[in-house]
Amino acid sequence: MATKSTSVNFQPHILDELAKRGKPQKYERVILMEKYLVHYGSGESRENPGVGVDYMKADIDGVELYVEAEPVEGDETGTYDALKAEILAQAQARGIDVSCLAFWND
């Protein structure tokens, strides 16, 4: 005899309500990871006011990741890969799960 298996992901408040009702079914608690947008833009340097730079920045629960570089002339995304690599390195150094970062060009 075949058995039917169904997998359902519930939000935590629903799981808590089911537990209060004494439901005999076994439910798996799944926490969905929040994604944080890494902003890629250009503007004035924080380190050298008056100088134009490309930058990436993100705020993850009060922890700022920030990096800037001189733009590549004639290439709007010429600094993208280097800036992304540095943001990933900063996140890892601070113990931030890099899979929660959402990059503009990915």
PDB file of N, CA and C in Angstrom:
ATOM      1  N   MET A   1       0.839  -1.179   0.000  1.00  0.00           N
ATOM      2  CA  MET A   1       0.000   0.000   0.000  1.00  0.00           C
ATOM      3  C   MET A   1       0.885   1.243   0.000  1.00  0.00           C
ATOM      4  N   ALA A   2       0.630   2.156  -0.917  1.00  0.00           N
ATOM      5  CA  ALA A   2       1.398   3.391  -1.022  1.00  0.00           C
ATOM      6  C   ALA A   2       0.891   4.408  -0.017  1.00  0.00           C
ATOM      7  N   THR A   3       1.816   5.195   0.505  1.00  0.00           N
ATOM      8  CA  THR A   3       1.418   6.276   1.401  1.00  0.00           C
ATOM      9  C   THR A   3       1.628   7.596   0.693  1.00  0.00           C
ATOM     10  N   LYS A   4       0.785   8.543   1.003  1.00  0.00           N
ATOM     11  CA  LYS A   4       0.860   9.858   0.396  1.00  0.00           C
ATOM     12  C   LYS A   4       1.606  10.785   1.344  1.00  0.00           C
ATOM     13  N   SER A   5       2.582  11.492   0.810  1.00  0.00           N
ATOM     14  CA  SER A   5       3.368  12.428   1.611  1.00  0.00           C
ATOM     15  C   SER A   5       3.183  13.823   1.047  1.00  0.00           C
ATOM     16  N   THR A   6       2.892  14.748   1.907  1.00  0.00           N
ATOM     17  CA  THR A   6       2.720  16.133   1.494  1.00  0.00           C
ATOM     18  C   THR A   6       3.621  17.007   2.339  1.00  0.00           C
ATOM     19  N   SER A   7       4.335  17.906   1.687  1.00  0.00           N
ATOM     20  CA  SER A   7       5.204  18.837   2.385  1.00  0.00           C
ATOM     21  C   SER A   7       4.613  20.233   2.263  1.00  0.00           C
ATOM     22  N   VAL A   8       4.394  20.870   3.392  1.00  0.00           N
ATOM     23  CA  VAL A   8       3.807  22.207   3.411  1.00  0.00           C
ATOM     24  C   VAL A   8       4.658  23.087   4.303  1.00  0.00           C
ATOM     25  N   ASN A   9       4.959  24.278   3.835  1.00  0.00           N
ATOM     26  CA  ASN A   9       5.708  25.246   4.646  1.00  0.00           C
ATOM     27  C   ASN A   9       4.730  26.259   5.225  1.00  0.00           C
ATOM     28  N   PHE A  10       4.683  26.356   6.549  1.00  0.00           N
ATOM     29  CA  PHE A  10       3.811  27.300   7.222  1.00  0.00           C
ATOM     30  C   PHE A  10       4.633  28.439   7.815  1.00  0.00           C
ATOM     31  N   GLN A  11       4.045  29.607   7.885  1.00  0.00           N
ATOM     32  CA  GLN A  11       4.678  30.718   8.581  1.00  0.00           C
ATOM     33  C   GLN A  11       4.669  30.400  10.081  1.00  0.00           C
ATOM     34  N   PRO A  12       5.632  30.932  10.855  1.00  0.00           N
ATOM     35  CA  PRO A  12       5.731  30.602  12.277  1.00  0.00           C
ATOM     36  C   PRO A  12       4.449  30.844  13.073  1.00  0.00           C
ATOM     37  N   HIS A  13       3.701  31.915  12.798  1.00  0.00           N
ATOM     38  CA  HIS A  13       2.491  32.178  13.586  1.00  0.00           C
ATOM     39  C   HIS A  13       1.418  31.123  13.331  1.00  0.00           C
ATOM     40  N   ILE A  14       1.395  30.539  12.146  1.00  0.00           N
ATOM     41  CA  ILE A  14       0.432  29.471  11.855  1.00  0.00           C
ATOM     42  C   ILE A  14       0.825  28.200  12.602  1.00  0.00           C
ATOM     43  N   LEU A  15       2.116  27.907  12.637  1.00  0.00           N
ATOM     44  CA  LEU A  15       2.582  26.740  13.381  1.00  0.00           C
ATOM     45  C   LEU A  15       2.255  26.859  14.860  1.00  0.00           C
ATOM     46  N   ASP A  16       2.420  28.052  15.409  1.00  0.00           N
ATOM     47  CA  ASP A  16       2.103  28.278  16.816  1.00  0.00           C
ATOM     48  C   ASP A  16       0.619  28.047  17.077  1.00  0.00           C
ATOM     49  N   GLU A  17      -0.228  28.514  16.173  1.00  0.00           N
ATOM     50  CA  GLU A  17      -1.674  28.331  16.325  1.00  0.00           C
ATOM     51  C   GLU A  17      -2.040  26.854  16.244  1.00  0.00           C
ATOM     52  N   LEU A  18      -1.435  26.114  15.320  1.00  0.00           N
ATOM     53  CA  LEU A  18      -1.706  24.678  15.214  1.00  0.00           C
ATOM     54  C   LEU A  18      -1.285  23.951  16.482  1.00  0.00           C
ATOM     55  N   ALA A  19      -0.162  24.346  17.059  1.00  0.00           N
ATOM     56  CA  ALA A  19       0.303  23.724  18.295  1.00  0.00           C
ATOM     57  C   ALA A  19      -0.680  23.983  19.434  1.00  0.00           C
ATOM     58  N   LYS A  20      -1.233  25.197  19.510  1.00  0.00           N
ATOM     59  CA  LYS A  20      -2.217  25.534  20.551  1.00  0.00           C
ATOM     60  C   LYS A  20      -3.462  24.668  20.431  1.00  0.00           C
ATOM     61  N   ARG A  21      -3.837  24.354  19.213  1.00  0.00           N
ATOM     62  CA  ARG A  21      -5.046  23.553  18.978  1.00  0.00           C
ATOM     63  C   ARG A  21      -4.796  22.064  19.187  1.00  0.00           C
ATOM     64  N   GLY A  22      -3.551  21.686  19.439  1.00  0.00           N
ATOM     65  CA  GLY A  22      -3.228  20.293  19.709  1.00  0.00           C
ATOM     66  C   GLY A  22      -3.365  19.392  18.503  1.00  0.00           C
ATOM     67  N   LYS A  23      -3.094  19.918  17.340  1.00  0.00           N
ATOM     68  CA  LYS A  23      -3.185  19.114  16.124  1.00  0.00           C
ATOM     69  C   LYS A  23      -2.139  17.993  16.179  1.00  0.00           C
ATOM     70  N   PRO A  24      -2.532  16.761  15.901  1.00  0.00           N
ATOM     71  CA  PRO A  24      -1.598  15.643  16.016  1.00  0.00           C
ATOM     72  C   PRO A  24      -0.601  15.525  14.861  1.00  0.00           C
ATOM     73  N   GLN A  25      -0.839  16.250  13.774  1.00  0.00           N
ATOM     74  CA  GLN A  25       0.062  16.150  12.638  1.00  0.00           C
ATOM     75  C   GLN A  25       1.435  16.714  12.986  1.00  0.00           C
ATOM     76  N   LYS A  26       2.411  16.218  12.284  1.00  0.00           N
ATOM     77  CA  LYS A  26       3.776  16.701  12.486  1.00  0.00           C
ATOM     78  C   LYS A  26       4.046  17.775  11.443  1.00  0.00           C
ATOM     79  N   TYR A  27       4.413  18.972  11.882  1.00  0.00           N
ATOM     80  CA  TYR A  27       4.691  20.077  10.979  1.00  0.00           C
ATOM     81  C   TYR A  27       6.148  20.485  11.117  1.00  0.00           C
ATOM     82  N   GLU A  28       6.747  20.825  10.005  1.00  0.00           N
ATOM     83  CA  GLU A  28       8.134  21.279  10.006  1.00  0.00           C
ATOM     84  C   GLU A  28       8.138  22.793  10.020  1.00  0.00           C
ATOM     85  N   ARG A  29       8.936  23.367  10.892  1.00  0.00           N
ATOM     86  CA  ARG A  29       9.031  24.830  10.976  1.00  0.00           C
ATOM     87  C   ARG A  29      10.117  25.299  10.019  1.00  0.00           C
ATOM     88  N   VAL A  30       9.740  26.141   9.097  1.00  0.00           N
ATOM     89  CA  VAL A  30      10.669  26.661   8.105  1.00  0.00           C
ATOM     90  C   VAL A  30      10.698  28.175   8.230  1.00  0.00           C
ATOM     91  N   ILE A  31      11.857  28.717   8.436  1.00  0.00           N
ATOM     92  CA  ILE A  31      12.016  30.166   8.511  1.00  0.00           C
ATOM     93  C   ILE A  31      12.545  30.631   7.158  1.00  0.00           C
ATOM     94  N   LEU A  32      11.817  31.523   6.521  1.00  0.00           N
ATOM     95  CA  LEU A  32      12.228  32.045   5.229  1.00  0.00           C
ATOM     96  C   LEU A  32      13.252  33.150   5.440  1.00  0.00           C
ATOM     97  N   MET A  33      14.342  33.103   4.677  1.00  0.00           N
ATOM     98  CA  MET A  33      15.397  34.095   4.813  1.00  0.00           C
ATOM     99  C   MET A  33      15.001  35.379   4.099  1.00  0.00           C
ATOM    100  N   GLU A  34      15.185  36.476   4.779  1.00  0.00           N
ATOM    101  CA  GLU A  34      14.916  37.782   4.184  1.00  0.00           C
ATOM    102  C   GLU A  34      16.080  38.163   3.287  1.00  0.00           C
ATOM    103  N   LYS A  35      15.765  38.735   2.131  1.00  0.00           N
ATOM    104  CA  LYS A  35      16.802  39.187   1.201  1.00  0.00           C
ATOM    105  C   LYS A  35      17.030  40.680   1.407  1.00  0.00           C
ATOM    106  N   TYR A  36      18.276  41.096   1.277  1.00  0.00           N
ATOM    107  CA  TYR A  36      18.659  42.501   1.411  1.00  0.00           C
ATOM    108  C   TYR A  36      19.248  42.975   0.094  1.00  0.00           C
ATOM    109  N   LEU A  37      18.700  44.047  -0.438  1.00  0.00           N
ATOM    110  CA  LEU A  37      19.158  44.588  -1.703  1.00  0.00           C
ATOM    111  C   LEU A  37      20.478  45.324  -1.512  1.00  0.00           C
ATOM    112  N   VAL A  38      21.449  44.988  -2.353  1.00  0.00           N
ATOM    113  CA  VAL A  38      22.723  45.699  -2.374  1.00  0.00           C
ATOM    114  C   VAL A  38      22.598  46.753  -3.466  1.00  0.00           C
ATOM    115  N   HIS A  39      22.640  48.003  -3.063  1.00  0.00           N
ATOM    116  CA  HIS A  39      22.462  49.124  -4.000  1.00  0.00           C
ATOM    117  C   HIS A  39      23.773  49.386  -4.735  1.00  0.00           C
ATOM    118  N   TYR A  40      23.674  49.516  -6.050  1.00  0.00           N
ATOM    119  CA  TYR A  40      24.834  49.832  -6.896  1.00  0.00           C
ATOM    120  C   TYR A  40      24.548  51.165  -7.548  1.00  0.00           C
ATOM    121  N   GLY A  41      25.412  52.132  -7.324  1.00  0.00           N
ATOM    122  CA  GLY A  41      25.163  53.463  -7.878  1.00  0.00           C
ATOM    123  C   GLY A  41      26.442  54.262  -8.028  1.00  0.00           C
ATOM    124  N   SER A  42      26.246  55.523  -8.323  1.00  0.00           N
ATOM    125  CA  SER A  42      27.389  56.433  -8.430  1.00  0.00           C
ATOM    126  C   SER A  42      27.044  57.717  -7.702  1.00  0.00           C
ATOM    127  N   GLY A  43      28.070  58.393  -7.244  1.00  0.00           N
ATOM    128  CA  GLY A  43      27.869  59.629  -6.505  1.00  0.00           C
ATOM    129  C   GLY A  43      29.184  60.150  -5.973  1.00  0.00           C
ATOM    130  N   GLU A  44      29.077  61.015  -4.975  1.00  0.00           N
ATOM    131  CA  GLU A  44      30.268  61.612  -4.380  1.00  0.00           C
ATOM    132  C   GLU A  44      30.907  60.657  -3.379  1.00  0.00           C
ATOM    133  N   SER A  45      32.217  60.598  -3.403  1.00  0.00           N
ATOM    134  CA  SER A  45      32.969  59.726  -2.507  1.00  0.00           C
ATOM    135  C   SER A  45      32.772  60.127  -1.049  1.00  0.00           C
ATOM    136  N   ARG A  46      32.656  59.144  -0.186  1.00  0.00           N
ATOM    137  CA  ARG A  46      32.645  59.404   1.258  1.00  0.00           C
ATOM    138  C   ARG A  46      34.062  59.680   1.745  1.00  0.00           C
ATOM    139  N   GLU A  47      35.023  59.028   1.125  1.00  0.00           N
ATOM    140  CA  GLU A  47      36.414  59.128   1.556  1.00  0.00           C
ATOM    141  C   GLU A  47      37.117  60.360   1.000  1.00  0.00           C
ATOM    142  N   ASN A  48      36.736  60.785  -0.205  1.00  0.00           N
ATOM    143  CA  ASN A  48      37.338  61.942  -0.869  1.00  0.00           C
ATOM    144  C   ASN A  48      36.228  62.851  -1.399  1.00  0.00           C
ATOM    145  N   PRO A  49      35.642  63.687  -0.546  1.00  0.00           N
ATOM    146  CA  PRO A  49      34.539  64.546  -0.982  1.00  0.00           C
ATOM    147  C   PRO A  49      34.898  65.339  -2.241  1.00  0.00           C
ATOM    148  N   GLY A  50      33.936  65.413  -3.140  1.00  0.00           N
ATOM    149  CA  GLY A  50      34.127  66.127  -4.387  1.00  0.00           C
ATOM    150  C   GLY A  50      34.582  65.229  -5.534  1.00  0.00           C
ATOM    151  N   VAL A  51      34.895  63.976  -5.226  1.00  0.00           N
ATOM    152  CA  VAL A  51      35.335  63.022  -6.245  1.00  0.00           C
ATOM    153  C   VAL A  51      34.182  62.082  -6.558  1.00  0.00           C
ATOM    154  N   GLY A  52      33.918  61.860  -7.841  1.00  0.00           N
ATOM    155  CA  GLY A  52      32.860  60.950  -8.256  1.00  0.00           C
ATOM    156  C   GLY A  52      33.318  59.503  -8.194  1.00  0.00           C
ATOM    157  N   VAL A  53      32.460  58.617  -7.666  1.00  0.00           N
ATOM    158  CA  VAL A  53      32.786  57.195  -7.544  1.00  0.00           C
ATOM    159  C   VAL A  53      31.570  56.342  -7.878  1.00  0.00           C
ATOM    160  N   ASP A  54      31.830  55.070  -8.171  1.00  0.00           N
ATOM    161  CA  ASP A  54      30.798  54.043  -8.178  1.00  0.00           C
ATOM    162  C   ASP A  54      30.842  53.411  -6.796  1.00  0.00           C
ATOM    163  N   TYR A  55      29.699  52.950  -6.299  1.00  0.00           N
ATOM    164  CA  TYR A  55      29.684  52.349  -4.963  1.00  0.00           C
ATOM    165  C   TYR A  55      28.625  51.252  -4.880  1.00  0.00           C
ATOM    166  N   MET A  56      28.778  50.413  -3.889  1.00  0.00           N
ATOM    167  CA  MET A  56      27.761  49.460  -3.481  1.00  0.00           C
ATOM    168  C   MET A  56      27.580  49.628  -1.993  1.00  0.00           C
ATOM    169  N   LYS A  57      26.325  49.506  -1.566  1.00  0.00           N
ATOM    170  CA  LYS A  57      26.062  49.568  -0.131  1.00  0.00           C
ATOM    171  C   LYS A  57      24.815  48.764   0.187  1.00  0.00           C
ATOM    172  N   ALA A  58      24.798  48.278   1.409  1.00  0.00           N
ATOM    173  CA  ALA A  58      23.648  47.532   1.915  1.00  0.00           C
ATOM    174  C   ALA A  58      23.596  47.711   3.420  1.00  0.00           C
ATOM    175  N   ASP A  59      22.393  47.666   3.967  1.00  0.00           N
ATOM    176  CA  ASP A  59      22.199  47.719   5.414  1.00  0.00           C
ATOM    177  C   ASP A  59      21.519  46.423   5.820  1.00  0.00           C
ATOM    178  N   ILE A  60      22.214  45.609   6.582  1.00  0.00           N
ATOM    179  CA  ILE A  60      21.681  44.338   7.052  1.00  0.00           C
ATOM    180  C   ILE A  60      21.500  44.441   8.553  1.00  0.00           C
ATOM    181  N   ASP A  61      20.276  44.693   8.958  1.00  0.00           N
ATOM    182  CA  ASP A  61      19.935  44.802  10.384  1.00  0.00           C
ATOM    183  C   ASP A  61      20.886  45.722  11.142  1.00  0.00           C
ATOM    184  N   GLY A  62      21.138  46.905  10.579  1.00  0.00           N
ATOM    185  CA  GLY A  62      21.974  47.897  11.237  1.00  0.00           C
ATOM    186  C   GLY A  62      23.460  47.784  10.941  1.00  0.00           C
ATOM    187  N   VAL A  63      23.877  46.774  10.209  1.00  0.00           N
ATOM    188  CA  VAL A  63      25.280  46.627   9.812  1.00  0.00           C
ATOM    189  C   VAL A  63      25.406  47.108   8.375  1.00  0.00           C
ATOM    190  N   GLU A  64      26.195  48.155   8.179  1.00  0.00           N
ATOM    191  CA  GLU A  64      26.358  48.682   6.823  1.00  0.00           C
ATOM    192  C   GLU A  64      27.552  48.035   6.138  1.00  0.00           C
ATOM    193  N   LEU A  65      27.313  47.602   4.914  1.00  0.00           N
ATOM    194  CA  LEU A  65      28.383  47.166   4.021  1.00  0.00           C
ATOM    195  C   LEU A  65      28.526  48.265   2.992  1.00  0.00           C
ATOM    196  N   TYR A  66      29.754  48.729   2.751  1.00  0.00           N
ATOM    197  CA  TYR A  66      29.964  49.839   1.814  1.00  0.00           C
ATOM    198  C   TYR A  66      31.329  49.725   1.179  1.00  0.00           C
ATOM    199  N   VAL A  67      31.379  49.971  -0.113  1.00  0.00           N
ATOM    200  CA  VAL A  67      32.644  50.016  -0.838  1.00  0.00           C
ATOM    201  C   VAL A  67      32.479  50.955  -2.026  1.00  0.00           C
ATOM    202  N   GLU A  68      33.555  51.626  -2.379  1.00  0.00           N
ATOM    203  CA  GLU A  68      33.518  52.538  -3.522  1.00  0.00           C
ATOM    204  C   GLU A  68      34.781  52.380  -4.350  1.00  0.00           C
ATOM    205  N   ALA A  69      34.682  52.803  -5.617  1.00  0.00           N
ATOM    206  CA  ALA A  69      35.827  52.734  -6.537  1.00  0.00           C
ATOM    207  C   ALA A  69      35.665  53.803  -7.600  1.00  0.00           C
ATOM    208  N   GLU A  70      36.801  54.206  -8.170  1.00  0.00           N
ATOM    209  CA  GLU A  70      36.747  55.159  -9.277  1.00  0.00           C
ATOM    210  C   GLU A  70      36.056  54.500 -10.459  1.00  0.00           C
ATOM    211  N   PRO A  71      35.175  55.212 -11.139  1.00  0.00           N
ATOM    212  CA  PRO A  71      34.461  54.622 -12.269  1.00  0.00           C
ATOM    213  C   PRO A  71      35.410  54.279 -13.425  1.00  0.00           C
ATOM    214  N   VAL A  72      35.008  53.299 -14.209  1.00  0.00           N
ATOM    215  CA  VAL A  72      35.739  52.934 -15.414  1.00  0.00           C
ATOM    216  C   VAL A  72      35.162  53.773 -16.549  1.00  0.00           C
ATOM    217  N   GLU A  73      35.984  54.599 -17.149  1.00  0.00           N
ATOM    218  CA  GLU A  73      35.508  55.503 -18.196  1.00  0.00           C
ATOM    219  C   GLU A  73      34.937  54.707 -19.375  1.00  0.00           C
ATOM    220  N   GLY A  74      33.725  55.077 -19.779  1.00  0.00           N
ATOM    221  CA  GLY A  74      33.076  54.448 -20.923  1.00  0.00           C
ATOM    222  C   GLY A  74      32.393  53.122 -20.620  1.00  0.00           C
ATOM    223  N   ASP A  75      32.414  52.671 -19.366  1.00  0.00           N
ATOM    224  CA  ASP A  75      31.787  51.397 -18.993  1.00  0.00           C
ATOM    225  C   ASP A  75      30.984  51.594 -17.704  1.00  0.00           C
ATOM    226  N   GLU A  76      29.665  51.697 -17.846  1.00  0.00           N
ATOM    227  CA  GLU A  76      28.813  51.981 -16.686  1.00  0.00           C
ATOM    228  C   GLU A  76      28.886  50.920 -15.596  1.00  0.00           C
ATOM    229  N   THR A  77      29.179  49.678 -15.973  1.00  0.00           N
ATOM    230  CA  THR A  77      29.246  48.607 -14.976  1.00  0.00           C
ATOM    231  C   THR A  77      30.667  48.057 -14.815  1.00  0.00           C
ATOM    232  N   GLY A  78      31.647  48.843 -15.180  1.00  0.00           N
ATOM    233  CA  GLY A  78      33.038  48.394 -15.136  1.00  0.00           C
ATOM    234  C   GLY A  78      33.554  48.074 -13.747  1.00  0.00           C
ATOM    235  N   THR A  79      32.949  48.638 -12.726  1.00  0.00           N
ATOM    236  CA  THR A  79      33.397  48.390 -11.351  1.00  0.00           C
ATOM    237  C   THR A  79      32.542  47.341 -10.634  1.00  0.00           C
ATOM    238  N   TYR A  80      31.497  46.881 -11.292  1.00  0.00           N
ATOM    239  CA  TYR A  80      30.510  46.012 -10.642  1.00  0.00           C
ATOM    240  C   TYR A  80      31.142  44.779  -9.991  1.00  0.00           C
ATOM    241  N   ASP A  81      31.914  44.010 -10.747  1.00  0.00           N
ATOM    242  CA  ASP A  81      32.457  42.757 -10.215  1.00  0.00           C
ATOM    243  C   ASP A  81      33.393  42.971  -9.028  1.00  0.00           C
ATOM    244  N   ALA A  82      34.245  43.978  -9.112  1.00  0.00           N
ATOM    245  CA  ALA A  82      35.174  44.254  -8.010  1.00  0.00           C
ATOM    246  C   ALA A  82      34.426  44.731  -6.764  1.00  0.00           C
ATOM    247  N   LEU A  83      33.436  45.586  -6.956  1.00  0.00           N
ATOM    248  CA  LEU A  83      32.657  46.065  -5.809  1.00  0.00           C
ATOM    249  C   LEU A  83      31.873  44.917  -5.171  1.00  0.00           C
ATOM    250  N   LYS A  84      31.278  44.080  -6.004  1.00  0.00           N
ATOM    251  CA  LYS A  84      30.522  42.929  -5.487  1.00  0.00           C
ATOM    252  C   LYS A  84      31.430  42.012  -4.672  1.00  0.00           C
ATOM    253  N   ALA A  85      32.619  41.735  -5.182  1.00  0.00           N
ATOM    254  CA  ALA A  85      33.558  40.870  -4.464  1.00  0.00           C
ATOM    255  C   ALA A  85      33.900  41.445  -3.091  1.00  0.00           C
ATOM    256  N   GLU A  86      34.073  42.750  -3.016  1.00  0.00           N
ATOM    257  CA  GLU A  86      34.399  43.383  -1.736  1.00  0.00           C
ATOM    258  C   GLU A  86      33.210  43.356  -0.775  1.00  0.00           C
ATOM    259  N   ILE A  87      32.000  43.561  -1.284  1.00  0.00           N
ATOM    260  CA  ILE A  87      30.796  43.477  -0.433  1.00  0.00           C
ATOM    261  C   ILE A  87      30.665  42.065   0.128  1.00  0.00           C
ATOM    262  N   LEU A  88      30.878  41.056  -0.700  1.00  0.00           N
ATOM    263  CA  LEU A  88      30.816  39.666  -0.230  1.00  0.00           C
ATOM    264  C   LEU A  88      31.873  39.400   0.838  1.00  0.00           C
ATOM    265  N   ALA A  89      33.075  39.925   0.640  1.00  0.00           N
ATOM    266  CA  ALA A  89      34.149  39.755   1.630  1.00  0.00           C
ATOM    267  C   ALA A  89      33.790  40.436   2.948  1.00  0.00           C
ATOM    268  N   GLN A  90      33.224  41.646   2.873  1.00  0.00           N
ATOM    269  CA  GLN A  90      32.815  42.354   4.091  1.00  0.00           C
ATOM    270  C   GLN A  90      31.720  41.578   4.831  1.00  0.00           C
ATOM    271  N   ALA A  91      30.765  41.045   4.087  1.00  0.00           N
ATOM    272  CA  ALA A  91      29.677  40.279   4.699  1.00  0.00           C
ATOM    273  C   ALA A  91      30.233  39.045   5.415  1.00  0.00           C
ATOM    274  N   GLN A  92      31.098  38.318   4.746  1.00  0.00           N
ATOM    275  CA  GLN A  92      31.689  37.127   5.361  1.00  0.00           C
ATOM    276  C   GLN A  92      32.490  37.487   6.602  1.00  0.00           C
ATOM    277  N   ALA A  93      33.239  38.571   6.546  1.00  0.00           N
ATOM    278  CA  ALA A  93      34.044  39.003   7.691  1.00  0.00           C
ATOM    279  C   ALA A  93      33.182  39.374   8.891  1.00  0.00           C
ATOM    280  N   ARG A  94      31.958  39.793   8.629  1.00  0.00           N
ATOM    281  CA  ARG A  94      31.041  40.178   9.711  1.00  0.00           C
ATOM    282  C   ARG A  94      30.071  39.057  10.087  1.00  0.00           C
ATOM    283  N   GLY A  95      30.266  37.877   9.489  1.00  0.00           N
ATOM    284  CA  GLY A  95      29.421  36.736   9.827  1.00  0.00           C
ATOM    285  C   GLY A  95      28.032  36.786   9.214  1.00  0.00           C
ATOM    286  N   ILE A  96      27.868  37.530   8.137  1.00  0.00           N
ATOM    287  CA  ILE A  96      26.573  37.647   7.460  1.00  0.00           C
ATOM    288  C   ILE A  96      26.492  36.580   6.373  1.00  0.00           C
ATOM    289  N   ASP A  97      25.386  35.860   6.337  1.00  0.00           N
ATOM    290  CA  ASP A  97      25.163  34.841   5.316  1.00  0.00           C
ATOM    291  C   ASP A  97      25.018  35.537   3.965  1.00  0.00           C
ATOM    292  N   VAL A  98      25.960  35.320   3.062  1.00  0.00           N
ATOM    293  CA  VAL A  98      25.962  36.033   1.779  1.00  0.00           C
ATOM    294  C   VAL A  98      24.775  35.658   0.895  1.00  0.00           C
ATOM    295  N   SER A  99      24.124  34.541   1.176  1.00  0.00           N
ATOM    296  CA  SER A  99      22.963  34.170   0.366  1.00  0.00           C
ATOM    297  C   SER A  99      21.761  35.082   0.627  1.00  0.00           C
ATOM    298  N   CYS A 100      21.834  35.921   1.657  1.00  0.00           N
ATOM    299  CA  CYS A 100      20.735  36.853   1.918  1.00  0.00           C
ATOM    300  C   CYS A 100      20.896  38.160   1.139  1.00  0.00           C
ATOM    301  N   LEU A 101      22.000  38.301   0.409  1.00  0.00           N
ATOM    302  CA  LEU A 101      22.247  39.530  -0.357  1.00  0.00           C
ATOM    303  C   LEU A 101      21.693  39.384  -1.772  1.00  0.00           C
ATOM    304  N   ALA A 102      20.965  40.386  -2.208  1.00  0.00           N
ATOM    305  CA  ALA A 102      20.413  40.415  -3.569  1.00  0.00           C
ATOM    306  C   ALA A 102      21.116  41.530  -4.326  1.00  0.00           C
ATOM    307  N   PHE A 103      21.888  41.143  -5.339  1.00  0.00           N
ATOM    308  CA  PHE A 103      22.648  42.114  -6.124  1.00  0.00           C
ATOM    309  C   PHE A 103      21.865  42.531  -7.354  1.00  0.00           C
ATOM    310  N   TRP A 104      22.042  43.783  -7.741  1.00  0.00           N
ATOM    311  CA  TRP A 104      21.305  44.408  -8.845  1.00  0.00           C
ATOM    312  C   TRP A 104      21.455  43.649 -10.158  1.00  0.00           C
ATOM    313  N   ASN A 105      22.640  43.158 -10.471  1.00  0.00           N
ATOM    314  CA  ASN A 105      22.910  42.601 -11.795  1.00  0.00           C
ATOM    315  C   ASN A 105      22.908  41.075 -11.807  1.00  0.00           C
ATOM    316  N   ASP A 106      22.321  40.446 -10.814  1.00  0.00           N
ATOM    317  CA  ASP A 106      22.307  38.969 -10.746  1.00  0.00           C
ATOM    318  C   ASP A 106      20.915  38.425 -11.002  1.00  0.00           C
TER     319      ASP A 106
END
